[in-house]
Amino acid sequence: MAEEEVVATEEGPLPVLKWDQGLFKQLIRGFQFPVEWDARYPQQGQTAADSPPG
């Protein structure tokens, strides 16, 4: 698997992980996410906090 780029910012104590859609798809396949989870790559500017309930 490709190494993700870690970029430190002054926005918070944790580094920002720079993933692309290809790496996201590898994660879904590698961990065999169930289709019912409806895992989706976020749009530009979205975060995990923008996820739908559940």
N, C-alpha and C. Protein backbone atom coordinates (compact mmCIF):
# COMPACT_ATOMS: atom_id res chain seq x y z
N MET A 1 0.85 -1.17 0.00
CA MET A 1 0.00 0.00 0.00
C MET A 1 0.90 1.24 0.00
N ALA A 2 0.46 2.27 -0.67
CA ALA A 2 1.23 3.51 -0.75
C ALA A 2 1.27 4.18 0.61
N GLU A 3 2.35 4.84 0.86
CA GLU A 3 2.50 5.57 2.12
C GLU A 3 1.73 6.88 2.04
N GLU A 4 0.95 7.19 3.08
CA GLU A 4 0.22 8.44 3.06
C GLU A 4 1.11 9.58 3.52
N GLU A 5 0.86 10.74 2.97
CA GLU A 5 1.63 11.92 3.31
C GLU A 5 1.07 12.53 4.59
N VAL A 6 1.94 12.81 5.54
CA VAL A 6 1.52 13.44 6.79
C VAL A 6 1.97 14.88 6.77
N VAL A 7 1.00 15.79 6.93
CA VAL A 7 1.29 17.21 6.90
C VAL A 7 0.90 17.81 8.24
N ALA A 8 1.87 18.34 8.96
CA ALA A 8 1.58 18.98 10.24
C ALA A 8 1.01 20.37 9.99
N THR A 9 -0.02 20.73 10.75
CA THR A 9 -0.63 22.05 10.62
C THR A 9 -0.72 22.69 12.00
N GLU A 10 -1.03 23.95 12.01
CA GLU A 10 -1.22 24.64 13.27
C GLU A 10 -2.69 24.66 13.68
N GLU A 11 -3.54 23.94 12.94
CA GLU A 11 -4.97 23.90 13.23
C GLU A 11 -5.30 23.00 14.42
N GLY A 12 -4.44 22.08 14.76
CA GLY A 12 -4.71 21.17 15.86
C GLY A 12 -3.49 20.35 16.20
N PRO A 13 -3.61 19.52 17.23
CA PRO A 13 -2.46 18.74 17.68
C PRO A 13 -2.13 17.53 16.82
N LEU A 14 -3.06 17.09 15.96
CA LEU A 14 -2.84 15.90 15.15
C LEU A 14 -2.47 16.27 13.72
N PRO A 15 -1.60 15.48 13.10
CA PRO A 15 -1.25 15.74 11.69
C PRO A 15 -2.42 15.42 10.77
N VAL A 16 -2.45 16.05 9.61
CA VAL A 16 -3.48 15.80 8.61
C VAL A 16 -2.98 14.71 7.68
N LEU A 17 -3.79 13.67 7.49
CA LEU A 17 -3.43 12.60 6.56
C LEU A 17 -3.96 12.96 5.19
N LYS A 18 -3.10 12.95 4.19
CA LYS A 18 -3.50 13.28 2.82
C LYS A 18 -3.74 11.99 2.06
N TRP A 19 -5.00 11.57 1.96
CA TRP A 19 -5.38 10.36 1.23
C TRP A 19 -5.99 10.76 -0.09
N ASP A 20 -5.88 9.86 -1.06
CA ASP A 20 -6.60 10.08 -2.31
C ASP A 20 -7.65 8.99 -2.45
N GLN A 21 -8.48 9.10 -3.47
CA GLN A 21 -9.58 8.15 -3.64
C GLN A 21 -9.08 6.73 -3.87
N GLY A 22 -7.96 6.58 -4.55
CA GLY A 22 -7.39 5.25 -4.78
C GLY A 22 -6.99 4.57 -3.48
N LEU A 23 -6.36 5.29 -2.58
CA LEU A 23 -5.95 4.74 -1.29
C LEU A 23 -7.19 4.40 -0.46
N PHE A 24 -8.22 5.22 -0.56
CA PHE A 24 -9.47 4.96 0.15
C PHE A 24 -10.09 3.65 -0.35
N LYS A 25 -10.11 3.43 -1.65
CA LYS A 25 -10.66 2.20 -2.22
C LYS A 25 -9.85 0.98 -1.78
N GLN A 26 -8.53 1.13 -1.68
CA GLN A 26 -7.68 0.04 -1.20
C GLN A 26 -8.04 -0.32 0.24
N LEU A 27 -8.30 0.68 1.06
CA LEU A 27 -8.68 0.48 2.45
C LEU A 27 -9.99 -0.31 2.53
N ILE A 28 -10.97 0.08 1.72
CA ILE A 28 -12.27 -0.59 1.71
C ILE A 28 -12.12 -2.05 1.30
N ARG A 29 -11.35 -2.30 0.24
CA ARG A 29 -11.13 -3.68 -0.22
C ARG A 29 -10.32 -4.48 0.79
N GLY A 30 -9.25 -3.88 1.29
CA GLY A 30 -8.35 -4.58 2.20
C GLY A 30 -9.01 -5.01 3.50
N PHE A 31 -9.90 -4.18 4.01
CA PHE A 31 -10.59 -4.50 5.26
C PHE A 31 -11.98 -5.07 5.01
N GLN A 32 -12.33 -5.28 3.74
CA GLN A 32 -13.59 -5.88 3.34
C GLN A 32 -14.79 -5.20 4.02
N PHE A 33 -14.88 -3.89 3.81
CA PHE A 33 -16.02 -3.14 4.36
C PHE A 33 -17.32 -3.69 3.78
N PRO A 34 -18.32 -3.98 4.60
CA PRO A 34 -19.61 -4.43 4.07
C PRO A 34 -20.25 -3.33 3.22
N VAL A 35 -20.95 -3.73 2.17
CA VAL A 35 -21.64 -2.79 1.29
C VAL A 35 -22.63 -1.94 2.10
N GLU A 36 -23.23 -2.54 3.12
CA GLU A 36 -24.22 -1.84 3.95
C GLU A 36 -23.64 -0.60 4.63
N TRP A 37 -22.33 -0.57 4.81
CA TRP A 37 -21.70 0.60 5.44
C TRP A 37 -21.73 1.82 4.53
N ASP A 38 -21.86 1.61 3.25
CA ASP A 38 -21.93 2.71 2.27
C ASP A 38 -20.77 3.69 2.44
N ALA A 39 -19.57 3.14 2.59
CA ALA A 39 -18.38 3.99 2.77
C ALA A 39 -18.15 4.82 1.52
N ARG A 40 -17.96 6.12 1.70
CA ARG A 40 -17.77 7.04 0.58
C ARG A 40 -16.58 7.96 0.85
N TYR A 41 -15.84 8.21 -0.21
CA TYR A 41 -14.74 9.17 -0.14
C TYR A 41 -15.35 10.57 0.01
N PRO A 42 -14.90 11.36 0.97
CA PRO A 42 -15.51 12.68 1.19
C PRO A 42 -15.24 13.66 0.05
N GLN A 43 -16.16 14.56 -0.13
CA GLN A 43 -15.99 15.64 -1.11
C GLN A 43 -15.01 16.66 -0.56
N GLN A 44 -14.49 17.50 -1.42
CA GLN A 44 -13.56 18.56 -1.02
C GLN A 44 -14.16 19.38 0.12
N GLY A 45 -13.43 19.52 1.22
CA GLY A 45 -13.87 20.33 2.35
C GLY A 45 -14.66 19.58 3.41
N GLN A 46 -15.08 18.34 3.13
CA GLN A 46 -15.82 17.55 4.11
C GLN A 46 -14.86 16.89 5.10
N THR A 47 -15.38 16.58 6.26
CA THR A 47 -14.62 15.86 7.28
C THR A 47 -15.49 14.72 7.81
N ALA A 48 -14.94 13.89 8.69
CA ALA A 48 -15.70 12.82 9.29
C ALA A 48 -16.89 13.38 10.08
N ALA A 49 -16.77 14.58 10.58
CA ALA A 49 -17.86 15.20 11.33
C ALA A 49 -19.06 15.50 10.42
N ASP A 50 -18.86 15.51 9.11
CA ASP A 50 -19.95 15.76 8.15
C ASP A 50 -20.68 14.47 7.76
N SER A 51 -20.28 13.34 8.34
CA SER A 51 -20.88 12.05 8.01
C SER A 51 -22.35 12.01 8.43
N PRO A 52 -23.16 11.23 7.69
CA PRO A 52 -24.55 11.08 8.09
C PRO A 52 -24.66 10.29 9.39
N PRO A 53 -25.74 10.43 10.13
CA PRO A 53 -25.92 9.67 11.38
C PRO A 53 -25.82 8.17 11.13
N GLY A 54 -25.29 7.46 12.11
CA GLY A 54 -25.20 6.00 12.02
C GLY A 54 -23.89 5.56 11.48
